[in-house]
Amino acid sequence: MRHLSNAWKRCFTKVSGVPKFKKKGKDDSFTLDGSISVDFHQIKLPRIRWVKTFEILPDYVAPKSVTISRKADRWFISFLIETEPQVTEKSVDVVGVDLGVKSLFDAIKW
């Protein structure tokens, strides 16, 4: 409903056109926010309960939202996780120059 509300707001402010409604079974996906808990091989989603996953999920990660989508008759889960960026220092200060362009230009000789 949130995406539909945003689409109509964009339409009324003349940013985009009228939203087009999608058919069932084509690009099926939905997003869940809120109380999502992660366990070793499963994830607990509101109203759906525990869902088994193929990969091992880390315990220390708390996803902000989860998008469940269907592609090629299989269901996939993607997480939205907030992390702090890590600053890395430069190991070497090197500037490279491509000299091949100059020799290519000399070979053409306009």
PDB file of N, CA and C in Angstrom:
ATOM      1  N   MET A   1       0.817  -1.191   0.000  1.00  0.00           N
ATOM      2  CA  MET A   1       0.000   0.000   0.000  1.00  0.00           C
ATOM      3  C   MET A   1       0.866   1.263   0.000  1.00  0.00           C
ATOM      4  N   ARG A   2       2.047   1.158   0.645  1.00  0.00           N
ATOM      5  CA  ARG A   2       2.935   2.316   0.695  1.00  0.00           C
ATOM      6  C   ARG A   2       3.415   2.682  -0.699  1.00  0.00           C
ATOM      7  N   HIS A   3       3.760   1.676  -1.509  1.00  0.00           N
ATOM      8  CA  HIS A   3       4.228   1.936  -2.877  1.00  0.00           C
ATOM      9  C   HIS A   3       3.114   2.532  -3.736  1.00  0.00           C
ATOM     10  N   LEU A   4       1.883   2.057  -3.541  1.00  0.00           N
ATOM     11  CA  LEU A   4       0.752   2.601  -4.291  1.00  0.00           C
ATOM     12  C   LEU A   4       0.494   4.052  -3.908  1.00  0.00           C
ATOM     13  N   SER A   5       0.591   4.358  -2.614  1.00  0.00           N
ATOM     14  CA  SER A   5       0.407   5.731  -2.153  1.00  0.00           C
ATOM     15  C   SER A   5       1.466   6.652  -2.745  1.00  0.00           C
ATOM     16  N   ASN A   6       2.718   6.203  -2.769  1.00  0.00           N
ATOM     17  CA  ASN A   6       3.791   7.010  -3.372  1.00  0.00           C
ATOM     18  C   ASN A   6       3.566   7.210  -4.866  1.00  0.00           C
ATOM     19  N   ALA A   7       3.061   6.195  -5.543  1.00  0.00           N
ATOM     20  CA  ALA A   7       2.812   6.312  -6.985  1.00  0.00           C
ATOM     21  C   ALA A   7       1.727   7.351  -7.273  1.00  0.00           C
ATOM     22  N   TRP A   8       0.652   7.360  -6.483  1.00  0.00           N
ATOM     23  CA  TRP A   8      -0.407   8.345  -6.697  1.00  0.00           C
ATOM     24  C   TRP A   8       0.055   9.751  -6.327  1.00  0.00           C
ATOM     25  N   LYS A   9       0.878   9.892  -5.281  1.00  0.00           N
ATOM     26  CA  LYS A   9       1.418  11.208  -4.930  1.00  0.00           C
ATOM     27  C   LYS A   9       2.280  11.747  -6.050  1.00  0.00           C
ATOM     28  N   ARG A  10       3.113  10.866  -6.653  1.00  0.00           N
ATOM     29  CA  ARG A  10       3.940  11.288  -7.779  1.00  0.00           C
ATOM     30  C   ARG A  10       3.087  11.679  -8.981  1.00  0.00           C
ATOM     31  N   CYS A  11       1.968  11.009  -9.154  1.00  0.00           N
ATOM     32  CA  CYS A  11       1.072  11.325 -10.269  1.00  0.00           C
ATOM     33  C   CYS A  11       0.420  12.689 -10.070  1.00  0.00           C
ATOM     34  N   PHE A  12      -0.061  12.974  -8.842  1.00  0.00           N
ATOM     35  CA  PHE A  12      -0.758  14.230  -8.578  1.00  0.00           C
ATOM     36  C   PHE A  12       0.171  15.430  -8.577  1.00  0.00           C
ATOM     37  N   THR A  13       1.455  15.227  -8.303  1.00  0.00           N
ATOM     38  CA  THR A  13       2.415  16.330  -8.359  1.00  0.00           C
ATOM     39  C   THR A  13       3.061  16.456  -9.733  1.00  0.00           C
ATOM     40  N   LYS A  14       2.547  15.727 -10.700  1.00  0.00           N
ATOM     41  CA  LYS A  14       3.002  15.782 -12.102  1.00  0.00           C
ATOM     42  C   LYS A  14       4.448  15.331 -12.284  1.00  0.00           C
ATOM     43  N   VAL A  15       4.946  14.464 -11.390  1.00  0.00           N
ATOM     44  CA  VAL A  15       6.285  13.921 -11.534  1.00  0.00           C
ATOM     45  C   VAL A  15       6.264  12.737 -12.488  1.00  0.00           C
ATOM     46  N   SER A  16       5.222  11.931 -12.417  1.00  0.00           N
ATOM     47  CA  SER A  16       5.093  10.767 -13.292  1.00  0.00           C
ATOM     48  C   SER A  16       3.637  10.607 -13.686  1.00  0.00           C
ATOM     49  N   GLY A  17       3.384   9.608 -14.504  1.00  0.00           N
ATOM     50  CA  GLY A  17       2.034   9.371 -14.984  1.00  0.00           C
ATOM     51  C   GLY A  17       1.212   8.528 -14.020  1.00  0.00           C
ATOM     52  N   VAL A  18       0.046   8.124 -14.489  1.00  0.00           N
ATOM     53  CA  VAL A  18      -0.863   7.310 -13.685  1.00  0.00           C
ATOM     54  C   VAL A  18      -0.238   5.933 -13.471  1.00  0.00           C
ATOM     55  N   PRO A  19      -0.276   5.407 -12.236  1.00  0.00           N
ATOM     56  CA  PRO A  19       0.322   4.093 -12.003  1.00  0.00           C
ATOM     57  C   PRO A  19      -0.407   2.992 -12.761  1.00  0.00           C
ATOM     58  N   LYS A  20       0.357   2.039 -13.269  1.00  0.00           N
ATOM     59  CA  LYS A  20      -0.216   0.907 -13.986  1.00  0.00           C
ATOM     60  C   LYS A  20      -0.286  -0.278 -13.042  1.00  0.00           C
ATOM     61  N   PHE A  21      -1.405  -0.944 -13.030  1.00  0.00           N
ATOM     62  CA  PHE A  21      -1.591  -2.068 -12.137  1.00  0.00           C
ATOM     63  C   PHE A  21      -0.988  -3.318 -12.752  1.00  0.00           C
ATOM     64  N   LYS A  22      -0.342  -4.117 -11.903  1.00  0.00           N
ATOM     65  CA  LYS A  22       0.365  -5.299 -12.365  1.00  0.00           C
ATOM     66  C   LYS A  22      -0.533  -6.524 -12.294  1.00  0.00           C
ATOM     67  N   LYS A  23      -0.266  -7.459 -13.180  1.00  0.00           N
ATOM     68  CA  LYS A  23      -0.997  -8.717 -13.171  1.00  0.00           C
ATOM     69  C   LYS A  23      -0.461  -9.632 -12.089  1.00  0.00           C
ATOM     70  N   LYS A  24      -1.307 -10.456 -11.571  1.00  0.00           N
ATOM     71  CA  LYS A  24      -0.889 -11.442 -10.594  1.00  0.00           C
ATOM     72  C   LYS A  24      -0.038 -12.495 -11.297  1.00  0.00           C
ATOM     73  N   GLY A  25       1.063 -12.887 -10.665  1.00  0.00           N
ATOM     74  CA  GLY A  25       1.923 -13.903 -11.233  1.00  0.00           C
ATOM     75  C   GLY A  25       3.074 -13.353 -12.040  1.00  0.00           C
ATOM     76  N   LYS A  26       3.131 -12.042 -12.227  1.00  0.00           N
ATOM     77  CA  LYS A  26       4.217 -11.438 -12.980  1.00  0.00           C
ATOM     78  C   LYS A  26       4.944 -10.467 -12.062  1.00  0.00           C
ATOM     79  N   ASP A  27       6.230 -10.705 -11.823  1.00  0.00           N
ATOM     80  CA  ASP A  27       7.033  -9.887 -10.909  1.00  0.00           C
ATOM     81  C   ASP A  27       6.398  -9.816  -9.525  1.00  0.00           C
ATOM     82  N   ASP A  28       6.049 -10.965  -8.961  1.00  0.00           N
ATOM     83  CA  ASP A  28       5.454 -11.003  -7.625  1.00  0.00           C
ATOM     84  C   ASP A  28       6.513 -10.697  -6.583  1.00  0.00           C
ATOM     85  N   SER A  29       6.247  -9.723  -5.725  1.00  0.00           N
ATOM     86  CA  SER A  29       7.130  -9.426  -4.610  1.00  0.00           C
ATOM     87  C   SER A  29       6.373  -8.598  -3.594  1.00  0.00           C
ATOM     88  N   PHE A  30       6.816  -8.681  -2.345  1.00  0.00           N
ATOM     89  CA  PHE A  30       6.264  -7.840  -1.296  1.00  0.00           C
ATOM     90  C   PHE A  30       7.337  -7.593  -0.257  1.00  0.00           C
ATOM     91  N   THR A  31       7.191  -6.478   0.456  1.00  0.00           N
ATOM     92  CA  THR A  31       8.172  -6.052   1.444  1.00  0.00           C
ATOM     93  C   THR A  31       7.545  -6.060   2.825  1.00  0.00           C
ATOM     94  N   LEU A  32       8.295  -6.574   3.799  1.00  0.00           N
ATOM     95  CA  LEU A  32       7.848  -6.607   5.182  1.00  0.00           C
ATOM     96  C   LEU A  32       8.805  -5.794   6.036  1.00  0.00           C
ATOM     97  N   ASP A  33       8.256  -4.926   6.871  1.00  0.00           N
ATOM     98  CA  ASP A  33       9.049  -4.128   7.801  1.00  0.00           C
ATOM     99  C   ASP A  33       8.676  -4.517   9.226  1.00  0.00           C
ATOM    100  N   GLY A  34       9.538  -4.155  10.144  1.00  0.00           N
ATOM    101  CA  GLY A  34       9.171  -4.313  11.548  1.00  0.00           C
ATOM    102  C   GLY A  34       9.827  -5.482  12.223  1.00  0.00           C
ATOM    103  N   SER A  35       9.031  -6.261  12.930  1.00  0.00           N
ATOM    104  CA  SER A  35       9.556  -7.317  13.800  1.00  0.00           C
ATOM    105  C   SER A  35       9.951  -8.543  12.995  1.00  0.00           C
ATOM    106  N   ILE A  36      11.185  -8.530  12.516  1.00  0.00           N
ATOM    107  CA  ILE A  36      11.741  -9.645  11.759  1.00  0.00           C
ATOM    108  C   ILE A  36      12.901 -10.190  12.578  1.00  0.00           C
ATOM    109  N   SER A  37      12.863 -11.465  12.893  1.00  0.00           N
ATOM    110  CA  SER A  37      13.967 -12.049  13.653  1.00  0.00           C
ATOM    111  C   SER A  37      14.640 -13.132  12.822  1.00  0.00           C
ATOM    112  N   VAL A  38      15.960 -13.253  13.019  1.00  0.00           N
ATOM    113  CA  VAL A  38      16.776 -14.159  12.237  1.00  0.00           C
ATOM    114  C   VAL A  38      17.304 -15.249  13.147  1.00  0.00           C
ATOM    115  N   ASP A  39      17.234 -16.489  12.697  1.00  0.00           N
ATOM    116  CA  ASP A  39      17.802 -17.619  13.408  1.00  0.00           C
ATOM    117  C   ASP A  39      18.840 -18.269  12.488  1.00  0.00           C
ATOM    118  N   PHE A  40      19.355 -19.412  12.873  1.00  0.00           N
ATOM    119  CA  PHE A  40      20.449 -20.062  12.163  1.00  0.00           C
ATOM    120  C   PHE A  40      20.103 -20.368  10.704  1.00  0.00           C
ATOM    121  N   HIS A  41      19.063 -21.151  10.458  1.00  0.00           N
ATOM    122  CA  HIS A  41      18.637 -21.525   9.096  1.00  0.00           C
ATOM    123  C   HIS A  41      17.209 -21.087   8.799  1.00  0.00           C
ATOM    124  N   GLN A  42      16.709 -20.114   9.545  1.00  0.00           N
ATOM    125  CA  GLN A  42      15.330 -19.697   9.327  1.00  0.00           C
ATOM    126  C   GLN A  42      15.164 -18.236   9.712  1.00  0.00           C
ATOM    127  N   ILE A  43      14.087 -17.656   9.236  1.00  0.00           N
ATOM    128  CA  ILE A  43      13.766 -16.275   9.518  1.00  0.00           C
ATOM    129  C   ILE A  43      12.298 -16.204   9.906  1.00  0.00           C
ATOM    130  N   LYS A  44      11.983 -15.406  10.914  1.00  0.00           N
ATOM    131  CA  LYS A  44      10.600 -15.274  11.373  1.00  0.00           C
ATOM    132  C   LYS A  44      10.024 -13.996  10.800  1.00  0.00           C
ATOM    133  N   LEU A  45       8.981 -14.148  10.010  1.00  0.00           N
ATOM    134  CA  LEU A  45       8.321 -13.028   9.363  1.00  0.00           C
ATOM    135  C   LEU A  45       6.942 -12.840   9.983  1.00  0.00           C
ATOM    136  N   PRO A  46       6.502 -11.592  10.152  1.00  0.00           N
ATOM    137  CA  PRO A  46       5.172 -11.388  10.722  1.00  0.00           C
ATOM    138  C   PRO A  46       4.089 -11.964   9.810  1.00  0.00           C
ATOM    139  N   ARG A  47       3.133 -12.609  10.411  1.00  0.00           N
ATOM    140  CA  ARG A  47       1.981 -13.261   9.757  1.00  0.00           C
ATOM    141  C   ARG A  47       2.339 -14.519   8.973  1.00  0.00           C
ATOM    142  N   ILE A  48       3.586 -14.693   8.585  1.00  0.00           N
ATOM    143  CA  ILE A  48       3.988 -15.875   7.824  1.00  0.00           C
ATOM    144  C   ILE A  48       4.608 -16.912   8.752  1.00  0.00           C
ATOM    145  N   ARG A  49       5.206 -16.469   9.842  1.00  0.00           N
ATOM    146  CA  ARG A  49       5.893 -17.278  10.850  1.00  0.00           C
ATOM    147  C   ARG A  49       7.282 -17.664  10.376  1.00  0.00           C
ATOM    148  N   TRP A  50       7.787 -18.805  10.809  1.00  0.00           N
ATOM    149  CA  TRP A  50       9.153 -19.210  10.505  1.00  0.00           C
ATOM    150  C   TRP A  50       9.264 -19.760   9.084  1.00  0.00           C
ATOM    151  N   VAL A  51      10.268 -19.281   8.360  1.00  0.00           N
ATOM    152  CA  VAL A  51      10.524 -19.723   6.988  1.00  0.00           C
ATOM    153  C   VAL A  51      11.952 -20.243   6.938  1.00  0.00           C
ATOM    154  N   LYS A  52      12.132 -21.456   6.427  1.00  0.00           N
ATOM    155  CA  LYS A  52      13.469 -22.031   6.319  1.00  0.00           C
ATOM    156  C   LYS A  52      14.220 -21.385   5.163  1.00  0.00           C
ATOM    157  N   THR A  53      15.531 -21.217   5.352  1.00  0.00           N
ATOM    158  CA  THR A  53      16.367 -20.641   4.310  1.00  0.00           C
ATOM    159  C   THR A  53      17.429 -21.646   3.887  1.00  0.00           C
ATOM    160  N   PHE A  54      17.946 -21.469   2.711  1.00  0.00           N
ATOM    161  CA  PHE A  54      18.964 -22.364   2.183  1.00  0.00           C
ATOM    162  C   PHE A  54      20.330 -22.048   2.782  1.00  0.00           C
ATOM    163  N   GLU A  55      20.625 -20.758   2.947  1.00  0.00           N
ATOM    164  CA  GLU A  55      21.923 -20.341   3.459  1.00  0.00           C
ATOM    165  C   GLU A  55      21.859 -20.082   4.958  1.00  0.00           C
ATOM    166  N   ILE A  56      23.016 -20.139   5.596  1.00  0.00           N
ATOM    167  CA  ILE A  56      23.112 -19.848   7.014  1.00  0.00           C
ATOM    168  C   ILE A  56      23.064 -18.339   7.206  1.00  0.00           C
ATOM    169  N   LEU A  57      22.212 -17.895   8.114  1.00  0.00           N
ATOM    170  CA  LEU A  57      22.060 -16.477   8.373  1.00  0.00           C
ATOM    171  C   LEU A  57      22.812 -16.102   9.644  1.00  0.00           C
ATOM    172  N   PRO A  58      23.542 -14.990   9.647  1.00  0.00           N
ATOM    173  CA  PRO A  58      24.286 -14.605  10.854  1.00  0.00           C
ATOM    174  C   PRO A  58      23.344 -14.130  11.951  1.00  0.00           C
ATOM    175  N   ASP A  59      23.719 -14.406  13.208  1.00  0.00           N
ATOM    176  CA  ASP A  59      22.874 -14.042  14.344  1.00  0.00           C
ATOM    177  C   ASP A  59      22.955 -12.568  14.687  1.00  0.00           C
ATOM    178  N   TYR A  60      24.092 -11.949  14.449  1.00  0.00           N
ATOM    179  CA  TYR A  60      24.298 -10.572  14.883  1.00  0.00           C
ATOM    180  C   TYR A  60      23.632  -9.550  13.963  1.00  0.00           C
ATOM    181  N   VAL A  61      23.041  -9.964  12.866  1.00  0.00           N
ATOM    182  CA  VAL A  61      22.442  -9.051  11.899  1.00  0.00           C
ATOM    183  C   VAL A  61      20.954  -8.923  12.188  1.00  0.00           C
ATOM    184  N   ALA A  62      20.488  -7.684  12.268  1.00  0.00           N
ATOM    185  CA  ALA A  62      19.064  -7.416  12.447  1.00  0.00           C
ATOM    186  C   ALA A  62      18.569  -6.664  11.214  1.00  0.00           C
ATOM    187  N   PRO A  63      17.878  -7.334  10.293  1.00  0.00           N
ATOM    188  CA  PRO A  63      17.437  -6.662   9.068  1.00  0.00           C
ATOM    189  C   PRO A  63      16.344  -5.632   9.353  1.00  0.00           C
ATOM    190  N   LYS A  64      16.408  -4.497   8.641  1.00  0.00           N
ATOM    191  CA  LYS A  64      15.392  -3.462   8.788  1.00  0.00           C
ATOM    192  C   LYS A  64      14.117  -3.852   8.053  1.00  0.00           C
ATOM    193  N   SER A  65      14.275  -4.434   6.876  1.00  0.00           N
ATOM    194  CA  SER A  65      13.126  -4.906   6.115  1.00  0.00           C
ATOM    195  C   SER A  65      13.550  -6.096   5.271  1.00  0.00           C
ATOM    196  N   VAL A  66      12.561  -6.837   4.836  1.00  0.00           N
ATOM    197  CA  VAL A  66      12.790  -8.032   4.034  1.00  0.00           C
ATOM    198  C   VAL A  66      11.883  -7.955   2.818  1.00  0.00           C
ATOM    199  N   THR A  67      12.439  -8.208   1.636  1.00  0.00           N
ATOM    200  CA  THR A  67      11.649  -8.274   0.419  1.00  0.00           C
ATOM    201  C   THR A  67      11.630  -9.715  -0.054  1.00  0.00           C
ATOM    202  N   ILE A  68      10.432 -10.243  -0.229  1.00  0.00           N
ATOM    203  CA  ILE A  68      10.255 -11.611  -0.705  1.00  0.00           C
ATOM    204  C   ILE A  68       9.734 -11.523  -2.127  1.00  0.00           C
ATOM    205  N   SER A  69      10.458 -12.150  -3.051  1.00  0.00           N
ATOM    206  CA  SER A  69      10.086 -12.065  -4.462  1.00  0.00           C
ATOM    207  C   SER A  69      10.098 -13.450  -5.088  1.00  0.00           C
ATOM    208  N   ARG A  70       9.345 -13.593  -6.166  1.00  0.00           N
ATOM    209  CA  ARG A  70       9.284 -14.851  -6.890  1.00  0.00           C
ATOM    210  C   ARG A  70       9.819 -14.641  -8.295  1.00  0.00           C
ATOM    211  N   LYS A  71      10.805 -15.449  -8.641  1.00  0.00           N
ATOM    212  CA  LYS A  71      11.367 -15.432  -9.996  1.00  0.00           C
ATOM    213  C   LYS A  71      11.566 -16.863 -10.418  1.00  0.00           C
ATOM    214  N   ALA A  72      11.103 -17.183 -11.592  1.00  0.00           N
ATOM    215  CA  ALA A  72      11.242 -18.523 -12.171  1.00  0.00           C
ATOM    216  C   ALA A  72      10.677 -19.590 -11.236  1.00  0.00           C
ATOM    217  N   ASP A  73       9.488 -19.345 -10.705  1.00  0.00           N
ATOM    218  CA  ASP A  73       8.774 -20.278  -9.829  1.00  0.00           C
ATOM    219  C   ASP A  73       9.552 -20.642  -8.576  1.00  0.00           C
ATOM    220  N   ARG A  74      10.446 -19.766  -8.124  1.00  0.00           N
ATOM    221  CA  ARG A  74      11.166 -19.949  -6.868  1.00  0.00           C
ATOM    222  C   ARG A  74      11.048 -18.662  -6.065  1.00  0.00           C
ATOM    223  N   TRP A  75      11.028 -18.783  -4.749  1.00  0.00           N
ATOM    224  CA  TRP A  75      10.898 -17.633  -3.869  1.00  0.00           C
ATOM    225  C   TRP A  75      12.270 -17.270  -3.305  1.00  0.00           C
ATOM    226  N   PHE A  76      12.567 -15.962  -3.290  1.00  0.00           N
ATOM    227  CA  PHE A  76      13.843 -15.455  -2.814  1.00  0.00           C
ATOM    228  C   PHE A  76      13.608 -14.400  -1.739  1.00  0.00           C
ATOM    229  N   ILE A  77      14.519 -14.350  -0.774  1.00  0.00           N
ATOM    230  CA  ILE A  77      14.454 -13.367   0.302  1.00  0.00           C
ATOM    231  C   ILE A  77      15.665 -12.456   0.186  1.00  0.00           C
ATOM    232  N   SER A  78      15.419 -11.143   0.216  1.00  0.00           N
ATOM    233  CA  SER A  78      16.531 -10.194   0.248  1.00  0.00           C
ATOM    234  C   SER A  78      16.361  -9.300   1.472  1.00  0.00           C
ATOM    235  N   PHE A  79      17.482  -9.003   2.122  1.00  0.00           N
ATOM    236  CA  PHE A  79      17.479  -8.242   3.358  1.00  0.00           C
ATOM    237  C   PHE A  79      17.943  -6.818   3.117  1.00  0.00           C
ATOM    238  N   LEU A  80      17.385  -5.886   3.870  1.00  0.00           N
ATOM    239  CA  LEU A  80      17.895  -4.523   3.926  1.00  0.00           C
ATOM    240  C   LEU A  80      18.531  -4.368   5.293  1.00  0.00           C
ATOM    241  N   ILE A  81      19.866  -4.212   5.297  1.00  0.00           N
ATOM    242  CA  ILE A  81      20.636  -4.159   6.530  1.00  0.00           C
ATOM    243  C   ILE A  81      21.375  -2.832   6.584  1.00  0.00           C
ATOM    244  N   GLU A  82      21.350  -2.196   7.742  1.00  0.00           N
ATOM    245  CA  GLU A  82      22.050  -0.935   7.911  1.00  0.00           C
ATOM    246  C   GLU A  82      23.410  -1.212   8.551  1.00  0.00           C
ATOM    247  N   THR A  83      24.460  -0.798   7.867  1.00  0.00           N
ATOM    248  CA  THR A  83      25.812  -0.959   8.393  1.00  0.00           C
ATOM    249  C   THR A  83      26.528   0.379   8.316  1.00  0.00           C
ATOM    250  N   GLU A  84      27.540   0.531   9.136  1.00  0.00           N
ATOM    251  CA  GLU A  84      28.341   1.745   9.094  1.00  0.00           C
ATOM    252  C   GLU A  84      29.489   1.550   8.101  1.00  0.00           C
ATOM    253  N   PRO A  85      29.767   2.559   7.287  1.00  0.00           N
ATOM    254  CA  PRO A  85      30.856   2.412   6.312  1.00  0.00           C
ATOM    255  C   PRO A  85      32.207   2.348   7.010  1.00  0.00           C
ATOM    256  N   GLN A  86      33.088   1.543   6.451  1.00  0.00           N
ATOM    257  CA  GLN A  86      34.433   1.410   6.993  1.00  0.00           C
ATOM    258  C   GLN A  86      35.391   2.203   6.119  1.00  0.00           C
ATOM    259  N   VAL A  87      36.174   3.044   6.765  1.00  0.00           N
ATOM    260  CA  VAL A  87      37.143   3.867   6.043  1.00  0.00           C
ATOM    261  C   VAL A  87      38.440   3.074   5.912  1.00  0.00           C
ATOM    262  N   THR A  88      38.894   2.905   4.688  1.00  0.00           N
ATOM    263  CA  THR A  88      40.150   2.204   4.441  1.00  0.00           C
ATOM    264  C   THR A  88      41.163   3.201   3.895  1.00  0.00           C
ATOM    265  N   GLU A  89      42.400   3.024   4.282  1.00  0.00           N
ATOM    266  CA  GLU A  89      43.452   3.921   3.819  1.00  0.00           C
ATOM    267  C   GLU A  89      44.031   3.415   2.507  1.00  0.00           C
ATOM    268  N   LYS A  90      44.547   4.343   1.726  1.00  0.00           N
ATOM    269  CA  LYS A  90      45.190   3.972   0.470  1.00  0.00           C
ATOM    270  C   LYS A  90      46.481   3.239   0.758  1.00  0.00           C
ATOM    271  N   SER A  91      46.743   2.182   0.042  1.00  0.00           N
ATOM    272  CA  SER A  91      47.985   1.444   0.256  1.00  0.00           C
ATOM    273  C   SER A  91      49.129   2.046  -0.548  1.00  0.00           C
ATOM    274  N   VAL A  92      48.842   2.525  -1.770  1.00  0.00           N
ATOM    275  CA  VAL A  92      49.882   3.096  -2.624  1.00  0.00           C
ATOM    276  C   VAL A  92      49.266   4.262  -3.390  1.00  0.00           C
ATOM    277  N   ASP A  93      50.000   5.385  -3.460  1.00  0.00           N
ATOM    278  CA  ASP A  93      49.551   6.524  -4.255  1.00  0.00           C
ATOM    279  C   ASP A  93      50.229   6.459  -5.622  1.00  0.00           C
ATOM    280  N   VAL A  94      49.533   5.901  -6.599  1.00  0.00           N
ATOM    281  CA  VAL A  94      50.086   5.733  -7.930  1.00  0.00           C
ATOM    282  C   VAL A  94      49.090   6.296  -8.933  1.00  0.00           C
ATOM    283  N   VAL A  95      49.605   7.008  -9.915  1.00  0.00           N
ATOM    284  CA  VAL A  95      48.782   7.525 -10.998  1.00  0.00           C
ATOM    285  C   VAL A  95      49.248   6.843 -12.273  1.00  0.00           C
ATOM    286  N   GLY A  96      48.318   6.253 -13.011  1.00  0.00           N
ATOM    287  CA  GLY A  96      48.676   5.572 -14.245  1.00  0.00           C
ATOM    288  C   GLY A  96      48.312   6.402 -15.463  1.00  0.00           C
ATOM    289  N   VAL A  97      49.131   6.327 -16.493  1.00  0.00           N
ATOM    290  CA  VAL A  97      48.882   7.031 -17.746  1.00  0.00           C
ATOM    291  C   VAL A  97      48.880   6.000 -18.852  1.00  0.00           C
ATOM    292  N   ASP A  98      47.869   6.055 -19.705  1.00  0.00           N
ATOM    293  CA  ASP A  98      47.769   5.123 -20.820  1.00  0.00           C
ATOM    294  C   ASP A  98      48.469   5.751 -22.029  1.00  0.00           C
ATOM    295  N   LEU A  99      49.612   5.210 -22.394  1.00  0.00           N
ATOM    296  CA  LEU A  99      50.359   5.733 -23.530  1.00  0.00           C
ATOM    297  C   LEU A  99      49.933   5.097 -24.841  1.00  0.00           C
ATOM    298  N   GLY A 100      49.105   4.097 -24.796  1.00  0.00           N
ATOM    299  CA  GLY A 100      48.657   3.434 -26.003  1.00  0.00           C
ATOM    300  C   GLY A 100      47.783   4.319 -26.872  1.00  0.00           C
ATOM    301  N   VAL A 101      47.089   5.254 -26.284  1.00  0.00           N
ATOM    302  CA  VAL A 101      46.224   6.150 -27.050  1.00  0.00           C
ATOM    303  C   VAL A 101      47.060   7.063 -27.929  1.00  0.00           C
ATOM    304  N   LYS A 102      48.181   7.556 -27.417  1.00  0.00           N
ATOM    305  CA  LYS A 102      49.039   8.436 -28.201  1.00  0.00           C
ATOM    306  C   LYS A 102      49.615   7.700 -29.405  1.00  0.00           C
ATOM    307  N   SER A 103      50.085   6.465 -29.196  1.00  0.00           N
ATOM    308  CA  SER A 103      50.651   5.728 -30.315  1.00  0.00           C
ATOM    309  C   SER A 103      49.571   5.351 -31.330  1.00  0.00           C
ATOM    310  N   LEU A 104      48.344   5.111 -30.859  1.00  0.00           N
ATOM    311  CA  LEU A 104      47.249   4.844 -31.769  1.00  0.00           C
ATOM    312  C   LEU A 104      46.924   6.070 -32.605  1.00  0.00           C
ATOM    313  N   PHE A 105      46.958   7.243 -31.967  1.00  0.00           N
ATOM    314  CA  PHE A 105      46.689   8.487 -32.674  1.00  0.00           C
ATOM    315  C   PHE A 105      47.775   8.770 -33.717  1.00  0.00           C
ATOM    316  N   ASP A 106      49.042   8.498 -33.397  1.00  0.00           N
ATOM    317  CA  ASP A 106      50.122   8.711 -34.351  1.00  0.00           C
ATOM    318  C   ASP A 106      50.021   7.749 -35.521  1.00  0.00           C
ATOM    319  N   ALA A 107      49.509   6.530 -35.282  1.00  0.00           N
ATOM    320  CA  ALA A 107      49.407   5.538 -36.362  1.00  0.00           C
ATOM    321  C   ALA A 107      48.328   5.911 -37.365  1.00  0.00           C
ATOM    322  N   ILE A 108      47.300   6.587 -36.913  1.00  0.00           N
ATOM    323  CA  ILE A 108      46.196   6.940 -37.829  1.00  0.00           C
ATOM    324  C   ILE A 108      46.623   8.064 -38.751  1.00  0.00           C
ATOM    325  N   LYS A 109      47.279   9.089 -38.262  1.00  0.00           N
ATOM    326  CA  LYS A 109      47.771  10.260 -39.025  1.00  0.00           C
ATOM    327  C   LYS A 109      46.686  10.799 -39.951  1.00  0.00           C
ATOM    328  N   TRP A 110      45.891  11.592 -39.374  1.00  0.00           N
ATOM    329  CA  TRP A 110      44.794  12.207 -40.125  1.00  0.00           C
ATOM    330  C   TRP A 110      45.341  12.965 -41.253  1.00  0.00           C
TER     331      TRP A 110
END
